[in-house]
Amino acid sequence: MAIALAVLLAWLWRSRSGLRVSAGLVIALANLGVLSALWQHFVAAASASCNLTLADRIIGALQLDSLLPDVFAATASCAEARVPLLGVPYEFWSLAVFVVAEALAVWAVLSRLPAPSPAVASAPAGLPERQPQA
């Protein structure tokens, strides 16, 4: 959702600097998403404990689970948490989405950079070539 807001910022702030700021936000947020997916796979999913994680504590402190239960309320037990989708763990699907979002942000910035000027510039179309003086 935060990445969507960063993209909306670029759409509203239609300038080169707006694109760069938005892309920077998307890249930073996508990196956090990649780290969170890797943490989920290698640390949290390997844990045998069902103790409250940092995310659970933040959601509880902000009362998001009671304000938006369809989004934030936990409905699975720890035993049900490791269910793959098409043979791939969910955290790798989210990892792929974050990597694609980051790649698109990098592409958006790089595709908007001005082309390097050639060493010898030719005359604009319709104008005669300048002749060197002897």
Foldseek 3Di string as FASTA:
>chain_A
DQLVVLVVQCVVVPDLVSLVSSLVSLLVVLVVLLVVLVCCVPPVLPDPDPDDDPVNVVCVVVVVCVVPVVPPPDDDDSVPQADPDVPHTPSVVSNVVSVVSNVVSVCVNVVPDDDDDDPDDADPPPDDGDDDDD
